[in-house]
Amino acid sequence: MNIFFKNILSDKSTNPPEDVKNHFFDFFVNPFNIDWYTEEDYYEAIFYEDDLEKIAKYDNEGNFVNVKTNLPVDKLPEKIRSVAQSFGEIMNAIVISNNIETFYEIILRDKELTRYELLVDMDGKVLSNQKL
């Protein structure tokens, strides 16, 4: 299992409020290896579900904000993969979902090995392309 998300957070472990935990366990079917953190004004749970590493984000009032899933490149929808590959080699892919919309945050590199962050909506529309 990849531990991409866990490696990007510093030691800010916490125990979230009960309403956050309740939503979390109602929303996610089989989460395991759950670690809670505070990041800025948010509670974040880093965990695994269906062998994928995820981060669930909640605001200070306990409202669900989004879930980010570290997605293997070969699991990207074909439409999204095709759009991303037109910009360069795909290095990493994260799916961001907030119950209304789904986005794909893709790290790529071009022929000169310059890295970019590409944000694509679920229809394949490029929302941003920024050099890292």
N, C-alpha and C. Protein backbone atom coordinates (compact mmCIF):
# COMPACT_ATOMS: atom_id res chain seq x y z
N MET A 1 0.83 -1.20 0.00
CA MET A 1 0.00 0.00 0.00
C MET A 1 0.86 1.25 0.00
N ASN A 2 0.48 2.21 -0.77
CA ASN A 2 1.17 3.48 -0.84
C ASN A 2 0.75 4.36 0.35
N ILE A 3 1.67 5.13 0.91
CA ILE A 3 1.32 6.02 2.02
C ILE A 3 1.61 7.47 1.65
N PHE A 4 1.21 7.84 0.47
CA PHE A 4 1.45 9.17 -0.06
C PHE A 4 0.90 10.27 0.85
N PHE A 5 -0.38 10.18 1.21
CA PHE A 5 -1.02 11.23 2.01
C PHE A 5 -0.41 11.32 3.39
N LYS A 6 -0.17 10.20 4.02
CA LYS A 6 0.35 10.19 5.38
C LYS A 6 1.71 10.87 5.45
N ASN A 7 2.49 10.73 4.41
CA ASN A 7 3.82 11.31 4.38
C ASN A 7 3.82 12.83 4.23
N ILE A 8 2.72 13.43 3.77
CA ILE A 8 2.73 14.88 3.55
C ILE A 8 2.28 15.68 4.76
N LEU A 9 1.76 15.01 5.79
CA LEU A 9 1.33 15.73 6.99
C LEU A 9 2.36 15.63 8.08
N SER A 10 2.53 16.73 8.81
CA SER A 10 3.43 16.69 9.95
C SER A 10 2.69 16.07 11.13
N ASP A 11 3.33 16.04 12.28
CA ASP A 11 2.75 15.40 13.46
C ASP A 11 1.72 16.32 14.10
N LYS A 12 0.50 16.30 13.55
CA LYS A 12 -0.60 17.13 14.06
C LYS A 12 -1.77 16.23 14.39
N SER A 13 -1.49 15.07 15.00
CA SER A 13 -2.57 14.12 15.27
C SER A 13 -3.54 14.69 16.29
N THR A 14 -4.80 14.27 16.19
CA THR A 14 -5.85 14.79 17.04
C THR A 14 -6.95 13.76 17.19
N ASN A 15 -7.88 14.05 18.05
CA ASN A 15 -9.08 13.26 18.21
C ASN A 15 -10.25 14.18 17.83
N PRO A 16 -10.95 13.92 16.73
CA PRO A 16 -11.99 14.83 16.26
C PRO A 16 -13.25 14.75 17.12
N PRO A 17 -14.14 15.75 16.98
CA PRO A 17 -15.42 15.72 17.69
C PRO A 17 -16.27 14.52 17.25
N GLU A 18 -17.21 14.14 18.09
CA GLU A 18 -18.07 12.98 17.83
C GLU A 18 -18.87 13.11 16.55
N ASP A 19 -19.39 14.33 16.23
CA ASP A 19 -20.19 14.48 15.01
C ASP A 19 -19.36 14.21 13.76
N VAL A 20 -18.08 14.56 13.80
CA VAL A 20 -17.19 14.28 12.67
C VAL A 20 -16.98 12.77 12.56
N LYS A 21 -16.69 12.12 13.67
CA LYS A 21 -16.50 10.67 13.65
C LYS A 21 -17.76 9.94 13.20
N ASN A 22 -18.91 10.40 13.68
CA ASN A 22 -20.17 9.75 13.31
C ASN A 22 -20.39 9.82 11.80
N HIS A 23 -20.21 11.00 11.22
CA HIS A 23 -20.38 11.13 9.76
C HIS A 23 -19.38 10.24 9.04
N PHE A 24 -18.15 10.28 9.50
CA PHE A 24 -17.10 9.50 8.86
C PHE A 24 -17.48 8.02 8.78
N PHE A 25 -17.89 7.45 9.90
CA PHE A 25 -18.20 6.02 9.92
C PHE A 25 -19.54 5.70 9.25
N ASP A 26 -20.41 6.68 9.10
CA ASP A 26 -21.64 6.48 8.33
C ASP A 26 -21.36 6.55 6.82
N PHE A 27 -20.44 7.42 6.44
CA PHE A 27 -20.17 7.70 5.03
C PHE A 27 -19.25 6.67 4.38
N PHE A 28 -18.21 6.26 5.08
CA PHE A 28 -17.22 5.34 4.53
C PHE A 28 -17.52 3.92 4.99
N VAL A 29 -17.54 2.99 4.06
CA VAL A 29 -18.02 1.64 4.31
C VAL A 29 -17.06 0.81 5.16
N ASN A 30 -15.83 0.69 4.74
CA ASN A 30 -14.87 -0.15 5.45
C ASN A 30 -13.52 0.55 5.62
N PRO A 31 -13.50 1.69 6.32
CA PRO A 31 -12.21 2.36 6.49
C PRO A 31 -11.34 1.59 7.49
N PHE A 32 -10.03 1.62 7.27
CA PHE A 32 -9.12 1.03 8.24
C PHE A 32 -7.82 1.82 8.26
N ASN A 33 -7.00 1.56 9.29
CA ASN A 33 -5.75 2.31 9.52
C ASN A 33 -6.04 3.81 9.53
N ILE A 34 -6.96 4.24 10.35
CA ILE A 34 -7.42 5.63 10.38
C ILE A 34 -6.55 6.45 11.32
N ASP A 35 -6.02 7.55 10.81
CA ASP A 35 -5.27 8.51 11.62
C ASP A 35 -5.91 9.87 11.42
N TRP A 36 -6.21 10.56 12.53
CA TRP A 36 -6.83 11.89 12.48
C TRP A 36 -5.80 12.97 12.71
N TYR A 37 -5.93 14.06 11.94
CA TYR A 37 -5.03 15.20 12.04
C TYR A 37 -5.83 16.50 11.98
N THR A 38 -5.21 17.57 12.44
CA THR A 38 -5.76 18.89 12.18
C THR A 38 -4.82 19.57 11.21
N GLU A 39 -5.39 20.20 10.22
CA GLU A 39 -4.63 20.91 9.21
C GLU A 39 -5.34 22.23 8.98
N GLU A 40 -4.69 23.33 9.37
CA GLU A 40 -5.31 24.66 9.36
C GLU A 40 -6.58 24.61 10.19
N ASP A 41 -7.74 24.91 9.61
CA ASP A 41 -9.00 24.90 10.36
C ASP A 41 -9.85 23.68 10.05
N TYR A 42 -9.21 22.56 9.75
CA TYR A 42 -9.93 21.37 9.33
C TYR A 42 -9.47 20.13 10.10
N TYR A 43 -10.37 19.17 10.17
CA TYR A 43 -10.04 17.83 10.65
C TYR A 43 -9.87 16.95 9.43
N GLU A 44 -8.83 16.15 9.42
CA GLU A 44 -8.60 15.25 8.31
C GLU A 44 -8.32 13.85 8.82
N ALA A 45 -8.98 12.89 8.20
CA ALA A 45 -8.73 11.48 8.48
C ALA A 45 -7.98 10.90 7.30
N ILE A 46 -6.83 10.34 7.56
CA ILE A 46 -6.09 9.62 6.54
C ILE A 46 -6.34 8.14 6.81
N PHE A 47 -6.78 7.43 5.78
CA PHE A 47 -7.19 6.05 5.98
C PHE A 47 -7.13 5.29 4.66
N TYR A 48 -7.44 4.02 4.75
CA TYR A 48 -7.54 3.17 3.57
C TYR A 48 -8.96 2.64 3.46
N GLU A 49 -9.42 2.53 2.22
CA GLU A 49 -10.71 1.92 1.92
C GLU A 49 -10.57 1.30 0.54
N ASP A 50 -10.95 0.05 0.40
CA ASP A 50 -10.82 -0.66 -0.88
C ASP A 50 -9.39 -0.60 -1.41
N ASP A 51 -8.42 -0.72 -0.51
CA ASP A 51 -6.99 -0.71 -0.85
C ASP A 51 -6.51 0.60 -1.46
N LEU A 52 -7.26 1.68 -1.26
CA LEU A 52 -6.86 3.00 -1.73
C LEU A 52 -6.66 3.92 -0.54
N GLU A 53 -5.58 4.71 -0.59
CA GLU A 53 -5.33 5.69 0.47
C GLU A 53 -6.20 6.92 0.23
N LYS A 54 -6.83 7.41 1.31
CA LYS A 54 -7.76 8.53 1.19
C LYS A 54 -7.55 9.53 2.33
N ILE A 55 -8.03 10.76 2.09
CA ILE A 55 -8.13 11.78 3.13
C ILE A 55 -9.56 12.32 3.10
N ALA A 56 -10.24 12.22 4.24
CA ALA A 56 -11.56 12.84 4.38
C ALA A 56 -11.37 14.12 5.16
N LYS A 57 -11.97 15.21 4.68
CA LYS A 57 -11.78 16.54 5.27
C LYS A 57 -13.10 17.06 5.81
N TYR A 58 -13.06 17.61 7.04
CA TYR A 58 -14.22 18.18 7.71
C TYR A 58 -13.86 19.56 8.23
N ASP A 59 -14.83 20.49 8.20
CA ASP A 59 -14.58 21.81 8.76
C ASP A 59 -14.76 21.79 10.28
N ASN A 60 -14.51 22.93 10.92
CA ASN A 60 -14.60 23.01 12.38
C ASN A 60 -16.00 22.78 12.92
N GLU A 61 -17.03 22.96 12.10
CA GLU A 61 -18.41 22.69 12.53
C GLU A 61 -18.79 21.23 12.32
N GLY A 62 -17.87 20.44 11.81
CA GLY A 62 -18.14 19.03 11.60
C GLY A 62 -18.75 18.69 10.26
N ASN A 63 -18.77 19.64 9.34
CA ASN A 63 -19.34 19.41 8.01
C ASN A 63 -18.32 18.77 7.08
N PHE A 64 -18.77 17.77 6.35
CA PHE A 64 -17.92 17.11 5.36
C PHE A 64 -17.56 18.10 4.26
N VAL A 65 -16.28 18.20 3.93
CA VAL A 65 -15.80 19.10 2.87
C VAL A 65 -15.53 18.31 1.59
N ASN A 66 -14.66 17.30 1.68
CA ASN A 66 -14.36 16.48 0.52
C ASN A 66 -13.57 15.25 0.93
N VAL A 67 -13.38 14.39 -0.03
CA VAL A 67 -12.50 13.24 0.16
C VAL A 67 -11.54 13.22 -1.03
N LYS A 68 -10.27 13.00 -0.73
CA LYS A 68 -9.24 12.87 -1.75
C LYS A 68 -8.77 11.42 -1.75
N THR A 69 -8.68 10.85 -2.94
CA THR A 69 -8.26 9.47 -3.08
C THR A 69 -7.02 9.41 -3.96
N ASN A 70 -5.98 8.80 -3.43
CA ASN A 70 -4.75 8.59 -4.20
C ASN A 70 -5.02 7.44 -5.16
N LEU A 71 -5.17 7.76 -6.43
CA LEU A 71 -5.62 6.79 -7.43
C LEU A 71 -4.46 6.31 -8.30
N PRO A 72 -4.30 4.99 -8.43
CA PRO A 72 -3.29 4.49 -9.37
C PRO A 72 -3.62 5.02 -10.77
N VAL A 73 -2.58 5.37 -11.51
CA VAL A 73 -2.76 5.97 -12.83
C VAL A 73 -3.60 5.07 -13.73
N ASP A 74 -3.43 3.77 -13.63
CA ASP A 74 -4.19 2.87 -14.50
C ASP A 74 -5.67 2.80 -14.13
N LYS A 75 -6.06 3.41 -13.02
CA LYS A 75 -7.47 3.43 -12.60
C LYS A 75 -8.17 4.74 -13.00
N LEU A 76 -7.43 5.66 -13.60
CA LEU A 76 -8.05 6.90 -14.09
C LEU A 76 -9.04 6.57 -15.19
N PRO A 77 -10.20 7.26 -15.22
CA PRO A 77 -11.10 7.08 -16.35
C PRO A 77 -10.39 7.42 -17.66
N GLU A 78 -10.67 6.68 -18.71
CA GLU A 78 -9.97 6.84 -19.98
C GLU A 78 -10.00 8.28 -20.49
N LYS A 79 -11.15 8.93 -20.38
CA LYS A 79 -11.28 10.32 -20.85
C LYS A 79 -10.29 11.23 -20.12
N ILE A 80 -10.18 11.07 -18.80
CA ILE A 80 -9.31 11.90 -17.98
C ILE A 80 -7.84 11.57 -18.29
N ARG A 81 -7.53 10.29 -18.40
CA ARG A 81 -6.16 9.87 -18.70
C ARG A 81 -5.71 10.42 -20.04
N SER A 82 -6.59 10.37 -21.03
CA SER A 82 -6.26 10.86 -22.37
C SER A 82 -5.96 12.36 -22.35
N VAL A 83 -6.79 13.12 -21.65
CA VAL A 83 -6.55 14.57 -21.55
C VAL A 83 -5.22 14.83 -20.86
N ALA A 84 -4.97 14.15 -19.75
CA ALA A 84 -3.74 14.37 -19.00
C ALA A 84 -2.51 14.00 -19.82
N GLN A 85 -2.57 12.88 -20.53
CA GLN A 85 -1.42 12.43 -21.32
C GLN A 85 -1.10 13.39 -22.46
N SER A 86 -2.06 14.20 -22.87
CA SER A 86 -1.77 15.18 -23.92
C SER A 86 -0.86 16.29 -23.40
N PHE A 87 -0.71 16.39 -22.07
CA PHE A 87 0.17 17.39 -21.46
C PHE A 87 1.52 16.82 -21.06
N GLY A 88 1.62 15.50 -20.93
CA GLY A 88 2.88 14.90 -20.53
C GLY A 88 2.65 13.56 -19.85
N GLU A 89 3.71 13.05 -19.23
CA GLU A 89 3.66 11.76 -18.54
C GLU A 89 2.99 11.91 -17.18
N ILE A 90 2.02 11.08 -16.90
CA ILE A 90 1.30 11.14 -15.62
C ILE A 90 2.17 10.50 -14.54
N MET A 91 2.40 11.26 -13.47
CA MET A 91 3.21 10.77 -12.34
C MET A 91 2.34 10.31 -11.18
N ASN A 92 1.24 11.03 -10.93
CA ASN A 92 0.38 10.75 -9.78
C ASN A 92 -1.00 11.31 -10.09
N ALA A 93 -2.02 10.67 -9.51
CA ALA A 93 -3.40 11.13 -9.72
C ALA A 93 -4.17 11.08 -8.40
N ILE A 94 -4.92 12.13 -8.14
CA ILE A 94 -5.76 12.21 -6.95
C ILE A 94 -7.16 12.61 -7.40
N VAL A 95 -8.15 11.86 -6.93
CA VAL A 95 -9.55 12.18 -7.20
C VAL A 95 -10.06 12.98 -6.00
N ILE A 96 -10.70 14.12 -6.27
CA ILE A 96 -11.27 14.96 -5.22
C ILE A 96 -12.77 15.00 -5.42
N SER A 97 -13.52 14.57 -4.41
CA SER A 97 -14.98 14.51 -4.52
C SER A 97 -15.61 15.17 -3.30
N ASN A 98 -16.66 15.96 -3.54
CA ASN A 98 -17.34 16.65 -2.45
C ASN A 98 -18.84 16.38 -2.41
N ASN A 99 -19.28 15.28 -2.94
CA ASN A 99 -20.70 14.89 -3.03
C ASN A 99 -21.46 15.62 -4.11
N ILE A 100 -20.89 16.63 -4.71
CA ILE A 100 -21.54 17.37 -5.79
C ILE A 100 -20.72 17.25 -7.07
N GLU A 101 -19.42 17.45 -6.94
CA GLU A 101 -18.52 17.45 -8.08
C GLU A 101 -17.35 16.52 -7.83
N THR A 102 -16.74 16.10 -8.92
CA THR A 102 -15.52 15.30 -8.85
C THR A 102 -14.48 15.96 -9.72
N PHE A 103 -13.27 16.05 -9.18
CA PHE A 103 -12.14 16.63 -9.90
C PHE A 103 -10.98 15.66 -9.85
N TYR A 104 -10.06 15.83 -10.78
CA TYR A 104 -8.85 15.03 -10.83
C TYR A 104 -7.66 15.98 -10.77
N GLU A 105 -6.83 15.78 -9.78
CA GLU A 105 -5.59 16.54 -9.63
C GLU A 105 -4.46 15.61 -10.07
N ILE A 106 -3.79 15.98 -11.14
CA ILE A 106 -2.82 15.08 -11.75
C ILE A 106 -1.46 15.77 -11.81
N ILE A 107 -0.46 15.07 -11.32
CA ILE A 107 0.91 15.55 -11.42
C ILE A 107 1.53 14.91 -12.65
N LEU A 108 2.09 15.75 -13.55
CA LEU A 108 2.70 15.25 -14.76
C LEU A 108 4.06 15.88 -14.95
N ARG A 109 4.79 15.31 -15.88
CA ARG A 109 6.05 15.93 -16.28
C ARG A 109 6.14 15.91 -17.79
N ASP A 110 6.76 16.97 -18.31
CA ASP A 110 6.91 17.08 -19.76
C ASP A 110 8.24 16.45 -20.19
N LYS A 111 8.58 16.61 -21.46
CA LYS A 111 9.80 16.00 -22.02
C LYS A 111 11.07 16.55 -21.38
N GLU A 112 10.99 17.77 -20.85
CA GLU A 112 12.14 18.38 -20.18
C GLU A 112 12.17 18.03 -18.69
N LEU A 113 11.25 17.14 -18.26
CA LEU A 113 11.11 16.68 -16.88
C LEU A 113 10.61 17.78 -15.93
N THR A 114 10.00 18.82 -16.49
CA THR A 114 9.37 19.86 -15.67
C THR A 114 8.02 19.32 -15.21
N ARG A 115 7.74 19.49 -13.93
CA ARG A 115 6.50 18.96 -13.35
C ARG A 115 5.40 20.01 -13.35
N TYR A 116 4.18 19.53 -13.56
CA TYR A 116 2.99 20.37 -13.59
C TYR A 116 1.89 19.73 -12.78
N GLU A 117 1.01 20.58 -12.26
CA GLU A 117 -0.21 20.10 -11.60
C GLU A 117 -1.38 20.48 -12.50
N LEU A 118 -2.09 19.48 -12.94
CA LEU A 118 -3.23 19.66 -13.83
C LEU A 118 -4.50 19.36 -13.05
N LEU A 119 -5.48 20.26 -13.11
CA LEU A 119 -6.77 20.04 -12.47
C LEU A 119 -7.81 19.91 -13.58
N VAL A 120 -8.52 18.76 -13.56
CA VAL A 120 -9.47 18.43 -14.61
C VAL A 120 -10.81 18.08 -13.97
N ASP A 121 -11.92 18.55 -14.55
CA ASP A 121 -13.22 18.16 -14.00
C ASP A 121 -13.62 16.78 -14.54
N MET A 122 -14.73 16.26 -14.09
CA MET A 122 -15.12 14.89 -14.45
C MET A 122 -15.51 14.73 -15.91
N ASP A 123 -15.70 15.87 -16.61
CA ASP A 123 -15.98 15.82 -18.04
C ASP A 123 -14.72 15.91 -18.89
N GLY A 124 -13.57 16.07 -18.23
CA GLY A 124 -12.30 16.18 -18.96
C GLY A 124 -11.90 17.60 -19.28
N LYS A 125 -12.63 18.59 -18.77
CA LYS A 125 -12.29 19.99 -19.00
C LYS A 125 -11.13 20.39 -18.08
N VAL A 126 -10.09 20.97 -18.66
CA VAL A 126 -8.93 21.42 -17.90
C VAL A 126 -9.29 22.72 -17.19
N LEU A 127 -9.19 22.71 -15.85
CA LEU A 127 -9.51 23.88 -15.05
C LEU A 127 -8.26 24.70 -14.73
N SER A 128 -7.14 24.02 -14.58
CA SER A 128 -5.87 24.73 -14.37
C SER A 128 -4.71 23.82 -14.73
N ASN A 129 -3.60 24.45 -15.08
CA ASN A 129 -2.36 23.75 -15.40
C ASN A 129 -1.23 24.61 -14.88
N GLN A 130 -0.66 24.22 -13.75
CA GLN A 130 0.35 25.06 -13.12
C GLN A 130 1.68 24.33 -13.01
N LYS A 131 2.75 25.06 -13.29
CA LYS A 131 4.08 24.53 -13.12
C LYS A 131 4.39 24.41 -11.64
N LEU A 132 5.00 23.31 -11.25
CA LEU A 132 5.37 23.10 -9.83
C LEU A 132 6.80 23.57 -9.58
